[in-house]
């Protein structure tokens, strides 16, 4: 029974790996034309993402220091919007994402210029809802780091390397926001001829 379970787990991993490879973009090296048909519904775009101009210096010695992994070099103090007036704001803010440096700079590439490919490479979620699949690449052209997300009616899910280069996992459900009563449907906005 144990071998069947392990074999089943390996088969699922292999299936996910093959699916991810089939979704990875093919790109033309510089100087060669892109052979993707212009009217293709499955056209992937490749964009270059760069760290912000106010990026703090990240040293290699920091990335090897396990104590540094638990910090937040980008926002060492809680921002004003986070629990204003509450006690222990900074402590609570660091509990919110205790491994920020690890996910952004050790396994992530937020401090590097990298390429991201997908139908919506600048977004974590599709602007139309539903699925969004993307991949990020830094230096090695054969290594693409995957990202997949889904959003529908208040449900949000993602896992992988996000548009900022950091690794993340999210699973959240919130009640959908009600449509304002002042908004009318397109049919109601057609002028009546009388």
N, C-alpha and C. Protein backbone atom coordinates (compact mmCIF):
# COMPACT_ATOMS: atom_id res chain seq x y z
N UNK A 1 0.83 -1.19 0.00
CA UNK A 1 0.00 0.00 0.00
C UNK A 1 0.87 1.25 0.00
N UNK A 2 1.96 1.23 0.77
CA UNK A 2 2.85 2.38 0.84
C UNK A 2 3.49 2.66 -0.52
N UNK A 3 3.88 1.59 -1.24
CA UNK A 3 4.48 1.79 -2.55
C UNK A 3 3.47 2.34 -3.55
N UNK A 4 2.24 1.91 -3.48
CA UNK A 4 1.22 2.42 -4.39
C UNK A 4 0.98 3.90 -4.11
N UNK A 5 0.97 4.26 -2.84
CA UNK A 5 0.76 5.67 -2.49
C UNK A 5 1.93 6.52 -2.97
N UNK A 6 3.15 6.05 -2.76
CA UNK A 6 4.32 6.79 -3.21
C UNK A 6 4.34 6.89 -4.73
N UNK A 7 3.97 5.78 -5.40
CA UNK A 7 3.93 5.78 -6.85
C UNK A 7 2.88 6.76 -7.37
N UNK A 8 1.72 6.80 -6.71
CA UNK A 8 0.66 7.73 -7.10
C UNK A 8 1.11 9.17 -6.91
N UNK A 9 1.82 9.44 -5.81
CA UNK A 9 2.33 10.79 -5.56
C UNK A 9 3.35 11.20 -6.60
N UNK A 10 4.22 10.26 -7.01
CA UNK A 10 5.21 10.55 -8.05
C UNK A 10 4.54 10.81 -9.39
N UNK A 11 3.47 10.07 -9.68
CA UNK A 11 2.76 10.26 -10.94
C UNK A 11 2.10 11.64 -10.98
N UNK A 12 1.52 12.07 -9.83
CA UNK A 12 0.91 13.40 -9.78
C UNK A 12 1.98 14.47 -9.99
N UNK A 13 3.14 14.30 -9.37
CA UNK A 13 4.22 15.27 -9.53
C UNK A 13 4.69 15.32 -10.97
N UNK A 14 4.80 14.16 -11.61
CA UNK A 14 5.23 14.11 -13.00
C UNK A 14 4.20 14.78 -13.90
N UNK A 15 2.91 14.54 -13.63
CA UNK A 15 1.85 15.16 -14.42
C UNK A 15 1.90 16.68 -14.30
N UNK A 16 2.06 17.20 -13.09
CA UNK A 16 2.15 18.64 -12.87
C UNK A 16 3.37 19.20 -13.58
N UNK A 17 4.50 18.48 -13.51
CA UNK A 17 5.73 18.94 -14.16
C UNK A 17 5.56 19.01 -15.67
N UNK A 18 4.96 17.98 -16.29
CA UNK A 18 4.76 17.96 -17.74
C UNK A 18 3.78 19.07 -18.15
N UNK A 19 2.72 19.28 -17.35
CA UNK A 19 1.77 20.35 -17.64
C UNK A 19 2.47 21.70 -17.57
N UNK A 20 3.29 21.92 -16.56
CA UNK A 20 4.02 23.18 -16.43
C UNK A 20 4.95 23.40 -17.62
N UNK A 21 5.63 22.34 -18.05
CA UNK A 21 6.53 22.48 -19.19
C UNK A 21 5.77 22.82 -20.47
N UNK A 22 4.59 22.23 -20.62
CA UNK A 22 3.82 22.51 -21.82
C UNK A 22 3.29 23.95 -21.83
N UNK A 23 3.15 24.56 -20.66
CA UNK A 23 2.66 25.93 -20.59
C UNK A 23 3.78 26.95 -20.65
N UNK A 24 5.02 26.53 -20.51
CA UNK A 24 6.14 27.47 -20.52
C UNK A 24 6.27 28.11 -21.90
N UNK A 25 6.56 29.37 -21.93
CA UNK A 25 6.65 30.05 -23.23
C UNK A 25 7.90 29.66 -23.98
N UNK A 26 7.78 29.65 -25.27
CA UNK A 26 8.98 29.52 -26.08
C UNK A 26 9.28 30.92 -26.57
N UNK A 27 10.51 31.30 -26.53
CA UNK A 27 10.84 32.65 -26.96
C UNK A 27 11.99 32.57 -27.94
N UNK A 28 12.01 33.54 -28.81
CA UNK A 28 13.07 33.61 -29.80
C UNK A 28 14.27 34.31 -29.19
N UNK A 29 15.47 33.75 -29.37
CA UNK A 29 16.66 34.45 -28.90
C UNK A 29 16.80 35.80 -29.59
N UNK A 30 17.51 36.75 -29.00
CA UNK A 30 17.66 38.06 -29.62
C UNK A 30 18.17 37.94 -31.05
N UNK A 31 17.56 38.69 -31.95
CA UNK A 31 17.97 38.69 -33.35
C UNK A 31 17.20 37.71 -34.21
N UNK A 32 16.38 36.83 -33.61
CA UNK A 32 15.59 35.88 -34.39
C UNK A 32 14.12 36.26 -34.29
N UNK A 33 13.34 36.07 -35.35
CA UNK A 33 11.93 36.47 -35.33
C UNK A 33 11.09 35.57 -34.44
N UNK A 34 10.02 36.15 -33.88
CA UNK A 34 9.04 35.40 -33.10
C UNK A 34 8.04 34.81 -34.09
N UNK A 35 7.91 33.48 -34.11
CA UNK A 35 7.06 32.81 -35.09
C UNK A 35 5.64 32.59 -34.60
N UNK A 36 5.25 33.19 -33.47
CA UNK A 36 3.89 33.06 -32.97
C UNK A 36 2.95 33.85 -33.85
N UNK A 37 1.85 33.23 -34.32
CA UNK A 37 0.90 33.98 -35.15
C UNK A 37 0.36 35.18 -34.37
N UNK A 38 0.23 36.37 -35.03
CA UNK A 38 -0.22 37.56 -34.31
C UNK A 38 -1.64 37.47 -33.77
N UNK A 39 -2.50 36.64 -34.39
CA UNK A 39 -3.88 36.53 -33.93
C UNK A 39 -4.08 35.35 -32.98
N UNK A 40 -3.01 34.78 -32.48
CA UNK A 40 -3.10 33.62 -31.60
C UNK A 40 -3.75 33.99 -30.27
N UNK A 41 -4.73 33.20 -29.86
CA UNK A 41 -5.39 33.44 -28.57
C UNK A 41 -4.51 33.03 -27.41
N UNK A 42 -3.47 32.26 -27.69
CA UNK A 42 -2.59 31.77 -26.63
C UNK A 42 -1.26 32.51 -26.62
N UNK A 43 -1.25 33.72 -27.12
CA UNK A 43 -0.01 34.51 -27.19
C UNK A 43 0.45 34.88 -25.79
N UNK A 44 1.67 34.54 -25.49
CA UNK A 44 2.28 34.94 -24.23
C UNK A 44 3.12 36.17 -24.49
N UNK A 45 3.14 37.04 -23.53
CA UNK A 45 3.98 38.23 -23.59
C UNK A 45 5.13 38.05 -22.62
N UNK A 46 6.28 38.56 -22.99
CA UNK A 46 7.44 38.52 -22.10
C UNK A 46 7.82 39.95 -21.77
N UNK A 47 7.88 40.24 -20.47
CA UNK A 47 8.26 41.57 -20.01
C UNK A 47 9.49 41.44 -19.12
N UNK A 48 10.21 42.52 -19.01
CA UNK A 48 11.37 42.57 -18.11
C UNK A 48 10.96 43.34 -16.87
N UNK A 49 11.18 42.74 -15.72
CA UNK A 49 10.84 43.36 -14.44
C UNK A 49 12.13 43.74 -13.73
N UNK A 50 12.16 44.92 -13.14
CA UNK A 50 13.34 45.42 -12.45
C UNK A 50 12.98 45.80 -11.02
N UNK A 51 13.95 45.73 -10.10
CA UNK A 51 13.68 46.17 -8.73
C UNK A 51 13.43 47.67 -8.69
N UNK A 52 12.74 48.12 -7.66
CA UNK A 52 12.43 49.54 -7.53
C UNK A 52 13.68 50.38 -7.31
N UNK A 53 13.53 51.66 -7.47
CA UNK A 53 14.67 52.57 -7.31
C UNK A 53 15.07 52.74 -5.86
N UNK A 54 14.16 52.48 -4.93
CA UNK A 54 14.48 52.61 -3.51
C UNK A 54 14.83 51.26 -2.88
N UNK A 55 15.32 50.34 -3.68
CA UNK A 55 15.69 49.00 -3.23
C UNK A 55 16.85 49.07 -2.24
N UNK A 56 16.70 48.50 -1.04
CA UNK A 56 17.84 48.50 -0.10
C UNK A 56 18.92 47.54 -0.60
N UNK A 57 20.17 47.78 -0.23
CA UNK A 57 21.23 46.87 -0.68
C UNK A 57 21.08 45.50 -0.03
N UNK A 58 21.12 44.46 -0.85
CA UNK A 58 21.03 43.07 -0.38
C UNK A 58 22.37 42.42 -0.69
N UNK A 59 23.05 41.94 0.35
CA UNK A 59 24.36 41.33 0.18
C UNK A 59 24.25 39.81 0.23
N UNK A 60 25.19 39.13 -0.40
CA UNK A 60 25.19 37.67 -0.41
C UNK A 60 25.29 37.11 1.01
N UNK A 61 26.03 37.78 1.86
CA UNK A 61 26.16 37.31 3.26
C UNK A 61 24.81 37.33 3.96
N UNK A 62 23.94 38.28 3.60
CA UNK A 62 22.60 38.33 4.20
C UNK A 62 21.80 37.10 3.80
N UNK A 63 21.89 36.71 2.54
CA UNK A 63 21.11 35.58 2.05
C UNK A 63 21.49 34.26 2.71
N UNK A 64 22.72 34.18 3.24
CA UNK A 64 23.15 32.96 3.93
C UNK A 64 22.93 33.02 5.43
N UNK A 65 22.39 34.10 5.95
CA UNK A 65 22.16 34.28 7.39
C UNK A 65 20.71 33.93 7.73
N UNK A 66 20.46 32.78 8.37
CA UNK A 66 19.08 32.38 8.70
C UNK A 66 18.34 33.39 9.57
N UNK A 67 19.04 34.15 10.41
CA UNK A 67 18.36 35.16 11.23
C UNK A 67 17.82 36.30 10.35
N UNK A 68 18.54 36.64 9.30
CA UNK A 68 18.11 37.71 8.39
C UNK A 68 16.85 37.31 7.63
N UNK A 69 16.66 36.00 7.39
CA UNK A 69 15.50 35.52 6.65
C UNK A 69 14.19 35.95 7.31
N UNK A 70 14.19 36.07 8.65
CA UNK A 70 12.96 36.36 9.38
C UNK A 70 12.68 37.86 9.49
N UNK A 71 13.47 38.69 8.88
CA UNK A 71 13.26 40.13 8.94
C UNK A 71 12.48 40.66 7.75
N UNK A 72 12.38 41.98 7.71
CA UNK A 72 11.72 42.65 6.59
C UNK A 72 12.55 43.89 6.27
N UNK A 73 13.50 43.75 5.36
CA UNK A 73 14.40 44.84 5.02
C UNK A 73 13.68 45.95 4.26
N UNK A 74 12.58 45.64 3.59
CA UNK A 74 11.84 46.64 2.82
C UNK A 74 11.02 47.57 3.72
N UNK A 75 10.40 47.02 4.73
CA UNK A 75 9.60 47.81 5.68
C UNK A 75 9.89 47.33 7.10
N UNK A 76 10.99 47.78 7.70
CA UNK A 76 11.31 47.33 9.06
C UNK A 76 10.35 47.85 10.11
N UNK A 77 9.61 48.92 9.79
CA UNK A 77 8.61 49.48 10.69
C UNK A 77 7.26 49.38 9.99
N UNK A 78 6.23 49.04 10.74
CA UNK A 78 4.89 48.88 10.16
C UNK A 78 4.45 50.17 9.48
N UNK A 79 3.86 50.08 8.28
CA UNK A 79 3.38 51.28 7.58
C UNK A 79 2.18 51.89 8.31
N UNK A 80 1.89 53.14 8.03
CA UNK A 80 0.82 53.87 8.72
C UNK A 80 -0.55 53.21 8.56
N UNK A 81 -0.80 52.56 7.43
CA UNK A 81 -2.12 51.97 7.18
C UNK A 81 -2.37 50.72 8.01
N UNK A 82 -1.32 50.12 8.58
CA UNK A 82 -1.49 48.85 9.29
C UNK A 82 -1.84 49.10 10.76
N UNK A 83 -3.05 48.75 11.16
CA UNK A 83 -3.55 48.84 12.53
C UNK A 83 -3.19 50.17 13.20
N UNK A 84 -3.63 51.29 12.67
CA UNK A 84 -3.28 52.57 13.28
C UNK A 84 -3.83 52.69 14.70
N UNK A 85 -2.98 53.13 15.62
CA UNK A 85 -3.38 53.34 17.01
C UNK A 85 -3.41 52.08 17.87
N UNK A 86 -3.12 50.91 17.32
CA UNK A 86 -3.16 49.66 18.09
C UNK A 86 -1.82 49.42 18.78
N UNK A 87 -1.87 48.70 19.87
CA UNK A 87 -0.65 48.36 20.59
C UNK A 87 0.12 47.28 19.84
N UNK A 88 1.42 47.30 19.93
CA UNK A 88 2.31 46.28 19.34
C UNK A 88 2.15 46.17 17.82
N UNK A 89 1.97 47.30 17.15
CA UNK A 89 1.79 47.32 15.69
C UNK A 89 2.95 46.67 14.96
N UNK A 90 4.18 47.03 15.32
CA UNK A 90 5.35 46.49 14.62
C UNK A 90 5.46 44.99 14.81
N UNK A 91 5.24 44.51 16.03
CA UNK A 91 5.31 43.07 16.29
C UNK A 91 4.26 42.33 15.47
N UNK A 92 3.03 42.84 15.47
CA UNK A 92 1.95 42.21 14.70
C UNK A 92 2.23 42.24 13.20
N UNK A 93 2.84 43.33 12.75
CA UNK A 93 3.14 43.44 11.32
C UNK A 93 4.16 42.38 10.90
N UNK A 94 5.14 42.11 11.73
CA UNK A 94 6.14 41.09 11.39
C UNK A 94 5.58 39.68 11.53
N UNK A 95 4.56 39.49 12.37
CA UNK A 95 3.90 38.18 12.43
C UNK A 95 3.07 37.93 11.17
N UNK A 96 2.64 39.00 10.53
CA UNK A 96 1.82 38.90 9.32
C UNK A 96 2.59 38.23 8.18
N UNK A 97 3.88 38.50 8.09
CA UNK A 97 4.73 37.89 7.06
C UNK A 97 6.12 37.70 7.66
N UNK A 98 6.30 36.66 8.47
CA UNK A 98 7.54 36.53 9.23
C UNK A 98 8.79 36.22 8.40
N UNK A 99 8.63 35.73 7.20
CA UNK A 99 9.79 35.35 6.38
C UNK A 99 9.88 36.20 5.12
N UNK A 100 9.62 37.48 5.23
CA UNK A 100 9.62 38.37 4.08
C UNK A 100 10.95 38.32 3.31
N UNK A 101 12.05 38.48 4.01
CA UNK A 101 13.35 38.48 3.34
C UNK A 101 13.62 37.15 2.65
N UNK A 102 13.23 36.06 3.28
CA UNK A 102 13.45 34.73 2.70
C UNK A 102 12.70 34.58 1.38
N UNK A 103 11.41 34.93 1.37
CA UNK A 103 10.60 34.75 0.17
C UNK A 103 10.93 35.76 -0.92
N UNK A 104 11.41 36.94 -0.56
CA UNK A 104 11.73 37.96 -1.56
C UNK A 104 13.14 37.84 -2.11
N UNK A 105 14.10 37.49 -1.26
CA UNK A 105 15.51 37.60 -1.66
C UNK A 105 16.31 36.30 -1.63
N UNK A 106 15.88 35.30 -0.86
CA UNK A 106 16.63 34.04 -0.81
C UNK A 106 16.09 33.09 -1.88
N UNK A 107 14.79 32.75 -1.83
CA UNK A 107 14.20 31.90 -2.88
C UNK A 107 13.59 32.75 -3.98
N UNK A 108 13.39 34.03 -3.70
CA UNK A 108 12.83 34.95 -4.70
C UNK A 108 13.93 35.72 -5.40
N UNK A 109 13.52 36.57 -6.32
CA UNK A 109 14.48 37.37 -7.08
C UNK A 109 14.03 38.81 -7.16
N UNK A 110 13.50 39.33 -6.05
CA UNK A 110 13.01 40.70 -6.02
C UNK A 110 14.12 41.73 -6.16
N UNK A 111 15.34 41.33 -5.90
CA UNK A 111 16.48 42.26 -6.01
C UNK A 111 17.18 42.16 -7.36
N UNK A 112 16.63 41.39 -8.28
CA UNK A 112 17.25 41.17 -9.59
C UNK A 112 16.35 41.66 -10.72
N UNK A 113 16.92 41.92 -11.86
CA UNK A 113 16.15 42.17 -13.07
C UNK A 113 15.91 40.81 -13.71
N UNK A 114 14.64 40.50 -13.98
CA UNK A 114 14.30 39.18 -14.51
C UNK A 114 13.21 39.33 -15.56
N UNK A 115 12.96 38.25 -16.29
CA UNK A 115 11.89 38.23 -17.29
C UNK A 115 10.71 37.46 -16.73
N UNK A 116 9.51 37.91 -17.10
CA UNK A 116 8.29 37.21 -16.70
C UNK A 116 7.42 37.06 -17.94
N UNK A 117 6.92 35.86 -18.15
CA UNK A 117 6.13 35.55 -19.34
C UNK A 117 4.75 35.05 -18.93
N UNK A 118 3.76 35.39 -19.74
CA UNK A 118 2.41 34.93 -19.50
C UNK A 118 1.45 35.77 -20.31
N UNK A 119 0.16 35.43 -20.24
CA UNK A 119 -0.84 36.26 -20.92
C UNK A 119 -0.94 37.62 -20.25
N UNK A 120 -0.79 37.65 -18.93
CA UNK A 120 -0.83 38.89 -18.15
C UNK A 120 0.40 38.92 -17.25
N UNK A 121 1.58 39.12 -17.81
CA UNK A 121 2.81 38.99 -17.01
C UNK A 121 2.99 40.08 -15.96
N UNK A 122 2.33 41.21 -16.10
CA UNK A 122 2.47 42.28 -15.11
C UNK A 122 1.49 42.15 -13.95
N UNK A 123 0.59 41.19 -14.01
CA UNK A 123 -0.45 41.02 -13.00
C UNK A 123 -0.34 39.66 -12.32
N UNK A 124 -0.74 39.62 -11.05
CA UNK A 124 -0.82 38.33 -10.37
C UNK A 124 -2.13 37.62 -10.71
N UNK A 125 -3.19 38.38 -10.92
CA UNK A 125 -4.48 37.81 -11.28
C UNK A 125 -4.88 38.31 -12.66
N UNK A 126 -5.64 37.50 -13.37
CA UNK A 126 -6.15 37.92 -14.68
C UNK A 126 -7.10 39.09 -14.47
N UNK A 127 -7.02 40.13 -15.29
CA UNK A 127 -7.94 41.25 -15.13
C UNK A 127 -9.39 40.87 -15.43
N UNK A 128 -9.61 39.72 -16.05
CA UNK A 128 -10.95 39.25 -16.39
C UNK A 128 -11.45 38.18 -15.44
N UNK A 129 -10.70 37.89 -14.37
CA UNK A 129 -11.06 36.81 -13.47
C UNK A 129 -10.63 35.48 -14.06
N UNK A 130 -10.78 34.42 -13.31
CA UNK A 130 -10.40 33.09 -13.79
C UNK A 130 -8.91 32.83 -13.59
N UNK A 131 -8.35 32.01 -14.45
CA UNK A 131 -6.97 31.54 -14.31
C UNK A 131 -5.97 32.51 -14.91
N UNK A 132 -4.80 32.56 -14.30
CA UNK A 132 -3.65 33.26 -14.85
C UNK A 132 -2.44 32.37 -14.61
N UNK A 133 -1.69 32.12 -15.66
CA UNK A 133 -0.49 31.29 -15.57
C UNK A 133 0.66 32.13 -16.11
N UNK A 134 1.77 32.10 -15.39
CA UNK A 134 2.94 32.86 -15.82
C UNK A 134 4.19 32.11 -15.38
N UNK A 135 5.33 32.59 -15.82
CA UNK A 135 6.61 32.00 -15.42
C UNK A 135 7.66 33.10 -15.41
N UNK A 136 8.60 32.98 -14.48
CA UNK A 136 9.67 33.96 -14.35
C UNK A 136 11.01 33.30 -14.62
N UNK A 137 11.93 34.07 -15.17
CA UNK A 137 13.22 33.54 -15.57
C UNK A 137 14.32 34.54 -15.20
N UNK A 138 15.39 34.01 -14.57
CA UNK A 138 16.55 34.85 -14.25
C UNK A 138 17.80 34.13 -14.73
N UNK A 139 18.49 34.70 -15.66
CA UNK A 139 19.76 34.22 -16.23
C UNK A 139 19.63 32.92 -17.01
N UNK A 140 19.35 31.80 -16.39
CA UNK A 140 19.35 30.50 -17.06
C UNK A 140 18.10 30.36 -17.94
N UNK A 141 18.26 30.34 -19.27
CA UNK A 141 17.08 30.32 -20.15
C UNK A 141 16.25 29.05 -20.06
N UNK A 142 16.79 27.98 -19.50
CA UNK A 142 16.01 26.75 -19.43
C UNK A 142 15.29 26.58 -18.09
N UNK A 143 15.48 27.51 -17.15
CA UNK A 143 14.83 27.41 -15.85
C UNK A 143 13.78 28.50 -15.72
N UNK A 144 12.51 28.10 -15.79
CA UNK A 144 11.39 29.02 -15.63
C UNK A 144 10.69 28.69 -14.33
N UNK A 145 10.51 29.68 -13.47
CA UNK A 145 9.86 29.48 -12.18
C UNK A 145 8.36 29.74 -12.35
N UNK A 146 7.51 28.76 -12.04
CA UNK A 146 6.08 28.85 -12.37
C UNK A 146 5.26 29.71 -11.41
N UNK A 147 4.13 30.16 -11.91
CA UNK A 147 3.14 30.89 -11.12
C UNK A 147 1.78 30.56 -11.69
N UNK A 148 0.82 30.29 -10.79
CA UNK A 148 -0.55 30.04 -11.22
C UNK A 148 -1.49 30.70 -10.23
N UNK A 149 -2.57 31.31 -10.75
CA UNK A 149 -3.53 31.96 -9.87
C UNK A 149 -4.94 31.77 -10.42
N UNK A 150 -5.90 31.92 -9.50
CA UNK A 150 -7.31 31.82 -9.87
C UNK A 150 -8.09 32.80 -9.01
N UNK A 151 -9.04 33.49 -9.63
CA UNK A 151 -9.89 34.44 -8.90
C UNK A 151 -11.30 34.36 -9.45
N UNK A 152 -12.29 34.20 -8.54
CA UNK A 152 -13.69 34.13 -8.95
C UNK A 152 -14.58 34.37 -7.75
N UNK A 153 -15.44 35.38 -7.84
CA UNK A 153 -16.47 35.67 -6.84
C UNK A 153 -15.93 35.69 -5.40
N UNK A 154 -14.89 36.43 -5.17
CA UNK A 154 -14.36 36.57 -3.82
C UNK A 154 -13.33 35.51 -3.43
N UNK A 155 -13.18 34.47 -4.23
CA UNK A 155 -12.19 33.44 -3.96
C UNK A 155 -10.90 33.80 -4.69
N UNK A 156 -9.79 33.79 -3.97
CA UNK A 156 -8.49 34.07 -4.58
C UNK A 156 -7.49 33.00 -4.15
N UNK A 157 -6.72 32.55 -5.14
CA UNK A 157 -5.69 31.55 -4.89
C UNK A 157 -4.51 31.84 -5.79
N UNK A 158 -3.29 31.72 -5.25
CA UNK A 158 -2.11 31.70 -6.10
C UNK A 158 -0.98 30.97 -5.40
N UNK A 159 -0.06 30.49 -6.21
CA UNK A 159 1.16 29.89 -5.70
C UNK A 159 2.24 30.06 -6.77
N UNK A 160 3.45 30.34 -6.32
CA UNK A 160 4.56 30.49 -7.24
C UNK A 160 5.25 31.82 -7.10
N UNK A 161 6.06 32.16 -8.10
CA UNK A 161 6.84 33.39 -8.10
C UNK A 161 6.00 34.50 -8.70
N UNK A 162 5.66 35.49 -7.88
CA UNK A 162 4.74 36.56 -8.27
C UNK A 162 5.41 37.58 -9.18
N UNK A 163 4.63 38.60 -9.57
CA UNK A 163 5.12 39.58 -10.54
C UNK A 163 6.25 40.44 -9.99
N UNK A 164 6.46 40.47 -8.69
CA UNK A 164 7.57 41.21 -8.10
C UNK A 164 8.82 40.36 -7.93
N UNK A 165 8.75 39.07 -8.29
CA UNK A 165 9.90 38.18 -8.16
C UNK A 165 9.92 37.38 -6.88
N UNK A 166 9.03 37.70 -5.94
CA UNK A 166 9.00 36.99 -4.66
C UNK A 166 8.09 35.78 -4.74
N UNK A 167 8.43 34.75 -3.97
CA UNK A 167 7.62 33.54 -3.91
C UNK A 167 6.48 33.78 -2.94
N UNK A 168 5.31 33.26 -3.26
CA UNK A 168 4.18 33.42 -2.36
C UNK A 168 3.10 32.38 -2.59
N UNK A 169 2.31 32.18 -1.54
CA UNK A 169 1.15 31.29 -1.58
C UNK A 169 0.01 32.05 -0.93
N UNK A 170 -1.17 32.03 -1.56
CA UNK A 170 -2.32 32.74 -1.00
C UNK A 170 -3.56 31.91 -1.25
N UNK A 171 -4.41 31.84 -0.24
CA UNK A 171 -5.71 31.19 -0.36
C UNK A 171 -6.66 32.01 0.50
N UNK A 172 -7.60 32.71 -0.15
CA UNK A 172 -8.48 33.61 0.60
C UNK A 172 -9.87 33.60 -0.02
N UNK A 173 -10.86 33.66 0.85
CA UNK A 173 -12.23 33.84 0.40
C UNK A 173 -12.84 35.00 1.18
N UNK A 174 -13.43 35.92 0.47
CA UNK A 174 -14.18 36.99 1.11
C UNK A 174 -15.48 37.16 0.34
N UNK A 175 -16.50 37.62 1.03
CA UNK A 175 -17.79 37.79 0.36
C UNK A 175 -17.63 38.77 -0.79
N UNK A 176 -18.22 38.45 -1.93
CA UNK A 176 -18.14 39.39 -3.06
C UNK A 176 -18.77 40.73 -2.69
N UNK A 177 -18.19 41.80 -3.19
CA UNK A 177 -18.72 43.13 -2.91
C UNK A 177 -20.03 43.30 -3.67
N UNK A 178 -21.06 43.82 -2.98
CA UNK A 178 -22.35 44.00 -3.69
C UNK A 178 -22.23 45.12 -4.72
N UNK A 179 -22.98 44.95 -5.79
CA UNK A 179 -23.00 45.95 -6.85
C UNK A 179 -23.80 47.13 -6.33
N UNK A 180 -23.27 48.33 -6.49
CA UNK A 180 -23.95 49.53 -6.00
C UNK A 180 -25.31 49.68 -6.67
N UNK A 181 -26.30 50.14 -5.90
CA UNK A 181 -27.65 50.29 -6.42
C UNK A 181 -27.71 51.36 -7.51
N UNK A 182 -26.78 52.32 -7.45
CA UNK A 182 -26.80 53.39 -8.44
C UNK A 182 -26.32 52.93 -9.81
N UNK A 183 -25.60 51.81 -9.86
CA UNK A 183 -25.15 51.29 -11.16
C UNK A 183 -26.30 50.56 -11.83
N UNK A 184 -26.57 50.91 -13.04
CA UNK A 184 -27.64 50.26 -13.80
C UNK A 184 -27.02 49.34 -14.82
N UNK A 185 -27.76 48.34 -15.21
CA UNK A 185 -27.28 47.43 -16.23
C UNK A 185 -27.27 48.14 -17.58
N UNK A 186 -26.56 47.59 -18.52
CA UNK A 186 -26.46 48.20 -19.85
C UNK A 186 -27.83 48.31 -20.50
N UNK A 187 -28.73 47.35 -20.26
CA UNK A 187 -30.06 47.39 -20.85
C UNK A 187 -30.88 48.55 -20.29
N UNK A 188 -30.67 48.89 -19.00
CA UNK A 188 -31.41 49.99 -18.38
C UNK A 188 -30.93 51.34 -18.88
N UNK A 189 -29.72 51.42 -19.42
CA UNK A 189 -29.16 52.70 -19.83
C UNK A 189 -29.53 53.07 -21.27
N UNK A 190 -30.20 52.19 -21.99
CA UNK A 190 -30.62 52.49 -23.36
C UNK A 190 -31.80 53.46 -23.29
N UNK A 191 -31.70 54.58 -23.97
CA UNK A 191 -32.81 55.55 -23.91
C UNK A 191 -34.08 54.97 -24.54
N UNK A 192 -35.19 55.24 -23.90
CA UNK A 192 -36.48 54.76 -24.39
C UNK A 192 -37.04 55.76 -25.40
N UNK A 193 -37.46 55.26 -26.53
CA UNK A 193 -38.04 56.10 -27.56
C UNK A 193 -39.56 56.00 -27.40
N UNK A 194 -40.25 57.12 -27.28
CA UNK A 194 -41.68 57.03 -26.99
C UNK A 194 -42.53 57.90 -27.74
